[in-house]
Structures are given as structure tokens and as C-alpha cells.
Amino acid sequence: MRSGPFIYSDFKKLFSINFFLTFSLMAQELLISYELYKLTSDPLTLGLIGLSVAIPYIGLSIFGGHLADHRSKKRIMTICILVLIFCNLYFILLYSNQNIESPLKVSLSYIGFAISGLARGIYQPAASSIRALLIPREFYSRGSSLNSTAWQLGSIFGSLIAGISYSSLGLIPSLICSLIICILSFILILLIKHKEKIIEDIKLNNTHLWKSIQEGIQFVLRSKILLYSISLDLVTVLFAGVIAILPVFAEDILNVGASGLGYLRAAPSIGTVIGLLAMNRFSPMKNAWKNMIIAVAGFGIATLIFALSNNIYLSLILLFLTGIFDSISIVIRGSLLQLIPPDHLRGRVVSVNNIFISSSNEIGAFESGFAAKVFGTIPSVVGGAVLTLIIILLVYVNSKELLGKDFE
């Protein structure tokens, strides 16, 4: 009897790839962001990291979706992971050179993150759309939940180990650890055995690239549940996200240093993993839209209280709760992206989602850093959380017809 997605060996490999790759990326980001904040004491520096990733990510994500629908997804993923390995080497060499002045080091760091954003923008649509080819349709919801669990576990261990490693070993040994983990993900992608059926339709191949891209955008615009779920998540991450400026909280507000930053960064992911595991048993797809509204509202409220906390334990609990609430929207949106689009459009639809969601993390990081510099760290987070709650209320009022629908 088939018990779940893990009985499929290629899915287990994809799960492990996502874990190792996220571990590497989160560790790298925490290490470099903390180092840059120590060099500059400027929250805008942290925001510009997000912008450096977001610009190439947005520019290439839709194109990445087009490639995922018309080329080998495994080959795309392999090339992108190689680029991310190069980024790890780039940062190791950059921060090993003590002769580079701090302002130049900051600028060169943004270039490294931009290259990483380019690779992520092309990698993500391929990685998301290949999942539907590795497991049967009845496992899509559980597959989406497990895939998100892999990312969140990677974020937890990457953040915790990077913070502890930075405090005990220093920056360069910690970056070398990130490189080794990234290489593990490269080895695993080579071991995936699934043979893809590449679409070789003459009409499709001769279609202008922009027309192909428009098909994905138009599909999302026609699907109200997809459009609203993407929009809500975008607003939440854009205005209520605090991950990018956690170095400020760790260093200046809670006074817990690099190891404390590791715990702060890991807390939301721990909450998300626990939520995802719970939803393997209790699906949120019954009354999906109602659950989505509750989840994003809870995220906004937890963020608001976090902004006012000056106690490390309360702050950790609130960040943990943001992860719990985020897990609900992750599973709902991830399941919808597998269930609703047809196979030949899934890569492009996923890429539209990625532009608004994944890149919103990075643009939200810039917004957080900029607002913290202009208004102060705590007022900026409070204002963003309140604005998020207002927008959620407006969306709720205009989407009541979706409240009674199930998507199981």
C-alpha cells in the first residue's frame, strides 16, 4: 500500500536537495548580513542585500518558468546549483582578503548576492514544477507540505549552526561549511533518475517568448483563488516581515549577539516545520480561504507584538508563532499551485508566484531596512504590521465568496 511521497526515491532526493540548498543559502545570508551590520551599523545595508537578490530574481523568474516548461528541469537545477557553489567560493575569497576596504567589501558583497538571485530566479520554477512529476497527483498536497518542510528544516539548521559557528569558529570556517553543504545538494541532483518528457510541440517552440510568458500571467489572473492567495502572502511578507533586520534586534535591542541571532532566525522556521508536520495529518485545504485569512492575520498580529517585545524569550515565541501561521499559507498556496495549473503551464504559473512571493521576501527585506533607517526599527515594524492587518481586512471583505470552497 502506498503510504506517501517518501516511497518515491527521486522525491526523497529532491527533499534532501532542498534541505541542503536552503541550509547553505540561509547560513551564507546570516553570516554575511551579520558581518556587514558589524562593519556598517546601518540597517539599510541589510535591506540592500534583499534588493540585490530581488532585482535579478524578478528579472529572470518568469523566464525561468518558461525554461522549466520547455527544457530539462534537472539540467536547469544542476546549472543553477553550480552557480550557487561559485557564490560560496566568491564570498570565501572576498572575506579572506584583509586588504579590501570595508566600503568596497560591502559593494562586492551585493554583487555576490545578485549572482545568487539570478541563479535562484531560474532554479525555483524548475525545482517546484519537477516535484509534480516525481509523485502521483493524490500526494501533491503532502508533497507540497514535505517540500516546504525541507526548506524550513534547512533554514533552522542553517541559521542555528551558522550563528554558533560564527561565534566559536569565525566567518571563514563558517562559510566553508556553507560551501560543503551546497556541494552535497549538487551531488544529489545528479542522482535523480526520472526521465522527463520535454515538450517538442512546433507551435509552442515557435511561439514568441513573451507570448509564452503571458500565458502563465493570464492563468493566474483568471484564477481568483490563486491571485488572492499570492496577493495576501505578498502583502504579509512585504510589510510584516522582520527577518532581514533581525541582526538589528539581536545586536541593539535584545543584545544577544551572533548566537542569539541564530536562534531568532531559526524560530520562525521551527514553527513552520511543526505546522507543516501537523498539516500532514490535518489538511488546511478544507475551507482553504478561511484558513488562509486566519493565518495571515495571525502572522500580522504576532509581528506587531514582536516589535514591542524587549525580552528574548517572548520574542522567540512570537517568531515561532509567525512560523506556525506561515505554514498554513505555505501549504494552501503550494497545493493550489500543484492542483490548479495544467502540466504544460505549471512552470510559468509557479514562476509568477515566485516573483510575487519569493522576491517579496527580498523586496520586503529592502523595505524593512529602509523603513528602519528612516523611522527607527521598532516604529517601522509596528507600522508594517498594522498596515498588513488593514489590507487583510479589505481582502476579506472582497473575497467572501471563496470562504466556503474546499480544494482537496
Protein backbone atom coordinates (compact mmCIF):
# COMPACT_ATOMS: atom_id res chain seq x y z
CA MET A 1 0.00 0.00 0.00
CA ARG A 2 1.37 3.39 -0.97
CA SER A 3 1.86 5.39 2.20
CA GLY A 4 3.21 8.70 1.00
CA PRO A 5 5.63 10.65 -1.23
CA PHE A 6 8.72 9.27 0.52
CA ILE A 7 8.28 5.85 -1.08
CA TYR A 8 9.47 7.50 -4.32
CA SER A 9 13.28 7.67 -4.27
CA ASP A 10 13.55 10.71 -6.55
CA PHE A 11 11.21 12.67 -4.29
CA LYS A 12 13.42 11.81 -1.30
CA LYS A 13 16.40 13.13 -3.23
CA LEU A 14 14.53 16.34 -4.08
CA PHE A 15 13.61 16.72 -0.40
CA SER A 16 17.29 16.38 0.55
CA ILE A 17 18.40 18.79 -2.18
CA ASN A 18 16.01 21.44 -0.92
CA PHE A 19 17.21 20.88 2.65
CA PHE A 20 20.92 21.17 1.85
CA LEU A 21 20.50 24.09 -0.54
CA THR A 22 18.41 26.07 1.93
CA PHE A 23 20.86 25.26 4.72
CA SER A 24 23.67 26.70 2.61
CA LEU A 25 21.76 29.80 1.50
CA MET A 26 20.44 30.66 4.97
CA ALA A 27 23.82 30.13 6.60
CA GLN A 28 25.51 32.28 3.97
CA GLU A 29 22.95 35.06 4.29
CA LEU A 30 23.08 35.12 8.09
CA LEU A 31 26.88 35.16 8.15
CA ILE A 32 27.31 37.90 5.57
CA SER A 33 24.44 40.06 6.84
CA TYR A 34 25.75 39.97 10.41
CA GLU A 35 29.27 40.74 9.25
CA LEU A 36 28.03 43.67 7.15
CA TYR A 37 25.99 45.09 10.01
CA LYS A 38 29.05 44.90 12.24
CA LEU A 39 31.02 46.79 9.57
CA THR A 40 28.42 49.50 8.93
CA SER A 41 25.91 49.61 11.87
CA ASP A 42 23.38 50.62 9.21
CA PRO A 43 20.07 48.69 8.81
CA LEU A 44 19.82 49.90 5.23
CA THR A 45 22.85 47.73 4.46
CA LEU A 46 20.73 44.70 5.37
CA GLY A 47 17.89 45.94 3.20
CA LEU A 48 20.18 46.34 0.20
CA ILE A 49 21.12 42.66 0.46
CA GLY A 50 17.48 41.84 -0.21
CA LEU A 51 17.31 44.26 -3.11
CA SER A 52 20.49 42.78 -4.62
CA VAL A 53 18.83 39.36 -4.70
CA ALA A 54 15.38 40.62 -5.75
CA ILE A 55 16.32 42.57 -8.90
CA PRO A 56 17.84 39.63 -10.84
CA TYR A 57 15.32 37.23 -9.29
CA ILE A 58 12.36 39.25 -10.57
CA GLY A 59 14.03 39.84 -13.92
CA LEU A 60 14.64 36.15 -14.59
CA SER A 61 11.94 34.26 -12.68
CA ILE A 62 9.30 34.40 -15.43
CA PHE A 63 11.94 33.41 -17.98
CA GLY A 64 12.89 30.62 -15.58
CA GLY A 65 9.29 29.43 -15.69
CA HIS A 66 9.38 29.41 -19.49
CA LEU A 67 12.59 27.35 -19.41
CA ALA A 68 11.10 24.93 -16.86
CA ASP A 69 8.16 24.23 -19.19
CA HIS A 70 10.33 23.68 -22.29
CA ARG A 71 13.71 22.36 -21.11
CA SER A 72 15.06 19.68 -18.78
CA LYS A 73 14.22 20.75 -15.24
CA LYS A 74 17.01 18.60 -13.82
CA ARG A 75 19.59 20.23 -16.10
CA ILE A 76 18.36 23.72 -15.15
CA MET A 77 18.64 22.86 -11.44
CA THR A 78 22.12 21.41 -11.91
CA ILE A 79 23.48 24.53 -13.62
CA CYS A 80 21.90 26.84 -11.03
CA ILE A 81 23.38 24.89 -8.11
CA LEU A 82 26.80 25.17 -9.76
CA VAL A 83 26.35 28.95 -9.84
CA LEU A 84 25.43 28.92 -6.14
CA ILE A 85 28.58 26.92 -5.39
CA PHE A 86 30.52 29.66 -7.19
CA CYS A 87 28.80 32.27 -4.97
CA ASN A 88 30.01 30.43 -1.86
CA LEU A 89 33.56 30.45 -3.20
CA TYR A 90 33.20 34.14 -4.09
CA PHE A 91 32.29 35.10 -0.52
CA ILE A 92 35.08 32.98 0.96
CA LEU A 93 37.67 34.69 -1.24
CA LEU A 94 36.17 38.14 -0.64
CA TYR A 95 36.20 37.93 3.15
CA SER A 96 39.55 36.14 3.29
CA ASN A 97 41.21 39.18 1.71
CA GLN A 98 42.03 41.59 4.53
CA ASN A 99 43.33 44.22 2.10
CA ILE A 100 39.90 45.13 0.75
CA GLU A 101 38.46 48.24 2.39
CA SER A 102 35.06 47.94 4.09
CA PRO A 103 33.07 50.13 1.62
CA LEU A 104 34.36 48.11 -1.35
CA LYS A 105 33.73 44.84 0.52
CA VAL A 106 30.12 45.89 1.07
CA SER A 107 29.64 46.70 -2.63
CA LEU A 108 31.27 43.46 -3.75
CA SER A 109 29.00 41.55 -1.35
CA TYR A 110 25.96 42.95 -3.16
CA ILE A 111 27.37 41.64 -6.44
CA GLY A 112 27.67 38.16 -4.92
CA PHE A 113 24.06 38.26 -3.73
CA ALA A 114 22.93 39.48 -7.15
CA ILE A 115 24.54 36.45 -8.82
CA SER A 116 22.82 34.25 -6.24
CA GLY A 117 19.48 35.92 -7.02
CA LEU A 118 19.98 35.24 -10.72
CA ALA A 119 20.51 31.52 -10.06
CA ARG A 120 17.57 31.32 -7.63
CA GLY A 121 15.23 33.02 -10.10
CA ILE A 122 15.86 30.31 -12.68
CA TYR A 123 16.21 27.42 -10.22
CA GLN A 124 12.95 27.83 -8.29
CA PRO A 125 10.38 27.30 -11.11
CA ALA A 126 12.22 24.16 -12.23
CA ALA A 127 12.52 22.78 -8.68
CA SER A 128 8.84 23.48 -7.93
CA SER A 129 7.46 22.07 -11.19
CA ILE A 130 9.62 18.91 -11.20
CA ARG A 131 8.01 17.83 -7.93
CA ALA A 132 4.69 17.13 -9.65
CA LEU A 133 6.50 14.71 -11.99
CA LEU A 134 8.03 12.66 -9.18
CA ILE A 135 4.85 11.72 -7.25
CA PRO A 136 1.21 10.86 -8.12
CA ARG A 137 -1.47 13.55 -8.01
CA GLU A 138 -3.02 12.23 -4.78
CA PHE A 139 0.23 13.11 -2.98
CA TYR A 140 0.51 16.70 -4.28
CA SER A 141 -0.71 18.28 -1.03
CA ARG A 142 1.56 16.15 1.15
CA GLY A 143 4.39 16.64 -1.31
CA SER A 144 3.96 20.41 -1.08
CA SER A 145 3.97 20.22 2.71
CA LEU A 146 7.06 18.00 2.81
CA ASN A 147 8.87 20.18 0.27
CA SER A 148 8.24 23.24 2.44
CA THR A 149 9.36 21.23 5.48
CA ALA A 150 12.69 20.57 3.76
CA TRP A 151 13.20 24.28 3.13
CA GLN A 152 12.25 25.17 6.69
CA LEU A 153 14.48 22.49 8.23
CA GLY A 154 17.31 23.83 6.10
CA SER A 155 16.57 27.31 7.38
CA ILE A 156 16.52 26.12 11.01
CA PHE A 157 19.79 24.21 10.92
CA GLY A 158 21.47 26.70 8.60
CA SER A 159 20.61 29.60 10.90
CA LEU A 160 21.42 27.82 14.18
CA ILE A 161 24.69 26.28 13.03
CA ALA A 162 25.83 29.46 11.25
CA GLY A 163 25.19 31.57 14.36
CA ILE A 164 27.01 29.15 16.67
CA SER A 165 29.80 28.59 14.16
CA TYR A 166 30.34 32.33 13.69
CA SER A 167 30.64 32.83 17.46
CA SER A 168 33.01 29.90 18.01
CA LEU A 169 34.99 29.48 14.75
CA GLY A 170 34.68 32.79 12.91
CA LEU A 171 33.40 33.84 9.50
CA ILE A 172 35.61 31.95 7.02
CA PRO A 173 35.29 28.43 8.54
CA SER A 174 31.53 29.00 8.70
CA LEU A 175 31.41 29.99 5.01
CA ILE A 176 33.43 26.87 4.13
CA CYS A 177 30.77 24.80 5.89
CA SER A 178 28.12 26.51 3.74
CA LEU A 179 30.11 25.61 0.63
CA ILE A 180 30.37 21.92 1.58
CA ILE A 181 26.62 21.70 2.18
CA CYS A 182 25.93 23.30 -1.21
CA ILE A 183 28.17 20.71 -2.89
CA LEU A 184 26.08 17.94 -1.28
CA SER A 185 22.96 19.31 -3.00
CA PHE A 186 24.84 19.24 -6.33
CA ILE A 187 25.76 15.57 -5.87
CA LEU A 188 22.15 14.67 -5.10
CA ILE A 189 20.70 16.39 -8.18
CA LEU A 190 22.95 14.24 -10.34
CA LEU A 191 21.41 11.11 -8.75
CA ILE A 192 17.79 11.89 -9.72
CA LYS A 193 16.81 9.23 -12.28
CA HIS A 194 13.44 10.49 -13.54
CA LYS A 195 13.34 10.85 -17.33
CA GLU A 196 11.40 13.94 -18.32
CA LYS A 197 9.19 14.27 -21.37
CA ILE A 198 10.33 17.56 -22.90
CA ILE A 199 7.58 19.31 -24.85
CA GLU A 200 8.63 19.40 -28.51
CA ASP A 201 5.49 20.95 -29.91
CA ILE A 202 6.31 23.03 -33.05
CA LYS A 203 3.67 25.65 -32.32
CA LEU A 204 4.94 26.02 -28.76
CA ASN A 205 8.59 26.24 -29.78
CA ASN A 206 7.83 28.90 -32.38
CA THR A 207 5.74 30.97 -30.01
CA HIS A 208 7.37 34.24 -29.08
CA LEU A 209 8.86 34.14 -25.58
CA TRP A 210 6.68 36.98 -24.34
CA LYS A 211 3.50 35.23 -25.51
CA SER A 212 4.58 32.12 -23.63
CA ILE A 213 5.20 34.18 -20.50
CA GLN A 214 1.83 35.93 -20.86
CA GLU A 215 0.04 32.59 -20.76
CA GLY A 216 1.31 32.00 -17.23
CA ILE A 217 0.39 35.51 -16.07
CA GLN A 218 -3.08 35.33 -17.62
CA PHE A 219 -3.78 31.96 -16.00
CA VAL A 220 -3.06 33.42 -12.56
CA LEU A 221 -5.21 36.48 -13.25
CA ARG A 222 -8.15 34.27 -14.27
CA SER A 223 -7.91 32.10 -11.15
CA LYS A 224 -9.28 34.16 -8.28
CA ILE A 225 -8.11 31.83 -5.52
CA LEU A 226 -4.55 31.80 -6.90
CA LEU A 227 -4.49 35.56 -7.40
CA TYR A 228 -5.81 36.34 -3.92
CA SER A 229 -3.58 33.80 -2.15
CA ILE A 230 -0.48 35.16 -3.89
CA SER A 231 -1.52 38.75 -3.16
CA LEU A 232 -2.16 38.11 0.54
CA ASP A 233 1.13 36.37 1.04
CA LEU A 234 2.92 39.15 -0.82
CA VAL A 235 1.44 41.83 1.44
CA THR A 236 2.26 39.87 4.59
CA VAL A 237 5.90 39.28 3.69
CA LEU A 238 6.41 42.73 2.21
CA PHE A 239 5.14 44.77 5.16
CA ALA A 240 5.13 42.42 8.17
CA GLY A 241 8.41 40.56 7.57
CA VAL A 242 11.22 41.18 10.06
CA ILE A 243 13.77 38.51 9.10
CA ALA A 244 16.09 40.90 7.26
CA ILE A 245 16.52 43.26 10.21
CA LEU A 246 16.89 40.60 12.91
CA PRO A 247 20.62 41.48 13.18
CA VAL A 248 19.48 44.89 14.48
CA PHE A 249 17.23 43.26 17.10
CA ALA A 250 19.98 40.79 18.06
CA GLU A 251 22.74 43.40 18.33
CA ASP A 252 20.99 46.58 19.53
CA ILE A 253 17.59 45.72 21.06
CA LEU A 254 17.80 42.25 22.60
CA ASN A 255 21.62 42.26 23.00
CA VAL A 256 22.09 38.55 22.24
CA GLY A 257 24.88 38.63 19.62
CA ALA A 258 25.52 36.26 16.73
CA SER A 259 24.45 33.07 18.52
CA GLY A 260 21.22 34.76 19.63
CA LEU A 261 20.66 35.87 16.04
CA GLY A 262 20.87 32.23 15.00
CA TYR A 263 18.05 31.36 17.42
CA LEU A 264 15.96 34.32 16.29
CA ARG A 265 16.38 33.34 12.63
CA ALA A 266 15.58 29.70 13.38
CA ALA A 267 12.46 30.32 15.50
CA PRO A 268 10.04 31.07 12.60
CA SER A 269 11.28 28.03 10.69
CA ILE A 270 10.82 25.78 13.73
CA GLY A 271 7.23 27.00 13.96
CA THR A 272 6.74 26.39 10.25
CA VAL A 273 8.09 22.84 10.43
CA ILE A 274 5.81 21.96 13.35
CA GLY A 275 2.88 23.47 11.48
CA LEU A 276 3.74 21.57 8.30
CA LEU A 277 4.02 18.28 10.18
CA ALA A 278 0.62 18.90 11.78
CA MET A 279 -0.90 19.61 8.37
CA ASN A 280 0.30 16.27 7.06
CA ARG A 281 -2.44 14.93 9.35
CA PHE A 282 -4.92 17.82 9.29
CA SER A 283 -5.19 19.32 5.82
CA PRO A 284 -5.88 23.09 5.63
CA MET A 285 -7.46 22.65 2.19
CA LYS A 286 -10.94 22.22 3.68
CA ASN A 287 -12.24 25.79 3.96
CA ALA A 288 -8.91 26.80 2.43
CA TRP A 289 -9.60 30.51 2.01
CA LYS A 290 -10.95 30.91 5.56
CA ASN A 291 -7.81 29.22 6.88
CA MET A 292 -5.66 31.49 4.70
CA ILE A 293 -7.28 34.65 6.10
CA ILE A 294 -6.85 33.45 9.69
CA ALA A 295 -3.23 32.52 9.06
CA VAL A 296 -2.10 35.82 7.55
CA ALA A 297 -3.98 37.81 10.20
CA GLY A 298 -2.26 35.77 12.92
CA PHE A 299 1.10 36.43 11.28
CA GLY A 300 0.46 40.18 11.34
CA ILE A 301 -0.62 40.19 15.00
CA ALA A 302 2.39 38.13 16.12
CA THR A 303 4.71 40.50 14.25
CA LEU A 304 3.09 43.53 15.89
CA ILE A 305 3.66 42.15 19.38
CA PHE A 306 7.23 41.08 18.47
CA ALA A 307 8.06 44.67 17.57
CA LEU A 308 7.14 45.77 21.10
CA SER A 309 9.00 42.99 22.92
CA ASN A 310 12.36 43.52 24.61
CA ASN A 311 12.52 40.03 26.11
CA ILE A 312 14.39 37.38 24.14
CA TYR A 313 12.12 34.54 25.22
CA LEU A 314 8.91 36.35 24.33
CA SER A 315 10.47 37.40 21.02
CA LEU A 316 11.38 33.80 20.22
CA ILE A 317 7.84 32.63 21.00
CA LEU A 318 6.32 35.30 18.75
CA LEU A 319 8.67 34.48 15.88
CA PHE A 320 7.79 30.81 16.41
CA LEU A 321 4.09 31.74 16.06
CA THR A 322 4.74 33.61 12.81
CA GLY A 323 6.18 30.34 11.51
CA ILE A 324 3.10 28.38 12.60
CA PHE A 325 0.81 30.82 10.79
CA ASP A 326 3.08 30.94 7.75
CA SER A 327 2.98 27.14 7.41
CA ILE A 328 -0.76 27.27 6.78
CA SER A 329 -0.47 29.71 3.89
CA ILE A 330 2.56 27.80 2.51
CA VAL A 331 0.63 24.54 2.26
CA ILE A 332 -2.52 26.13 0.85
CA ARG A 333 -0.68 28.13 -1.80
CA GLY A 334 1.72 25.28 -2.62
CA SER A 335 -1.14 22.80 -3.04
CA LEU A 336 -3.11 25.19 -5.25
CA LEU A 337 -0.06 25.66 -7.47
CA GLN A 338 0.13 21.89 -7.98
CA LEU A 339 -3.62 21.23 -8.33
CA ILE A 340 -4.92 24.08 -10.48
CA PRO A 341 -2.44 24.69 -13.36
CA PRO A 342 -2.17 22.08 -16.16
CA ASP A 343 1.20 20.33 -16.57
CA HIS A 344 2.27 22.39 -19.60
CA LEU A 345 1.69 25.69 -17.72
CA ARG A 346 2.80 24.77 -14.20
CA GLY A 347 6.36 26.09 -14.53
CA ARG A 348 5.18 29.51 -15.72
CA VAL A 349 2.43 29.73 -13.09
CA VAL A 350 4.93 28.80 -10.39
CA SER A 351 7.30 31.48 -11.68
CA VAL A 352 4.55 34.12 -11.41
CA ASN A 353 4.02 33.01 -7.82
CA ASN A 354 7.76 33.16 -7.18
CA ILE A 355 8.04 36.71 -8.48
CA PHE A 356 5.40 37.93 -6.06
CA ILE A 357 6.25 35.70 -3.10
CA SER A 358 9.90 34.72 -3.11
CA SER A 359 11.07 38.08 -4.42
CA SER A 360 8.75 39.84 -1.98
CA ASN A 361 10.94 38.37 0.76
CA GLU A 362 13.87 40.23 -0.73
CA ILE A 363 11.98 43.43 -1.57
CA GLY A 364 10.43 43.21 1.88
CA ALA A 365 13.97 42.99 3.25
CA PHE A 366 14.84 46.24 1.49
CA GLU A 367 11.61 47.86 2.71
CA SER A 368 12.41 46.72 6.28
CA GLY A 369 15.95 48.08 6.16
CA PHE A 370 14.91 51.36 4.56
CA ALA A 371 11.98 51.91 6.94
CA ALA A 372 14.15 51.04 9.95
CA LYS A 373 16.71 53.63 8.87
CA VAL A 374 14.09 56.36 8.25
CA PHE A 375 11.57 55.73 11.03
CA GLY A 376 13.52 53.62 13.51
CA THR A 377 13.47 49.85 13.86
CA ILE A 378 10.52 49.40 16.23
CA PRO A 379 8.18 52.05 14.70
CA SER A 380 8.80 50.65 11.21
CA VAL A 381 7.85 47.09 12.24
CA VAL A 382 4.76 48.29 14.13
CA GLY A 383 3.64 50.36 11.15
CA GLY A 384 4.16 47.49 8.72
CA ALA A 385 2.18 45.05 10.87
CA VAL A 386 -0.74 47.47 11.26
CA LEU A 387 -0.80 48.17 7.51
CA THR A 388 -0.81 44.42 6.83
CA LEU A 389 -3.82 43.87 9.10
CA ILE A 390 -5.74 46.66 7.37
CA ILE A 391 -5.08 45.17 3.92
CA ILE A 392 -6.10 41.70 5.13
CA LEU A 393 -9.42 43.10 6.30
CA LEU A 394 -10.03 44.72 2.91
CA VAL A 395 -9.21 41.47 1.07
CA TYR A 396 -11.52 39.51 3.38
CA VAL A 397 -14.43 41.84 2.64
CA ASN A 398 -13.91 41.45 -1.13
CA SER A 399 -13.42 37.68 -1.22
CA LYS A 400 -16.23 36.22 0.90
CA GLU A 401 -17.44 34.03 -1.97
CA LEU A 402 -14.28 31.91 -1.58
CA LEU A 403 -14.80 31.16 2.12
CA GLY A 404 -16.91 28.03 1.70
CA LYS A 405 -14.86 26.33 -1.01
CA ASP A 406 -12.73 23.23 -0.45
CA PHE A 407 -9.67 22.36 -2.55
CA GLU A 408 -8.87 18.76 -1.60
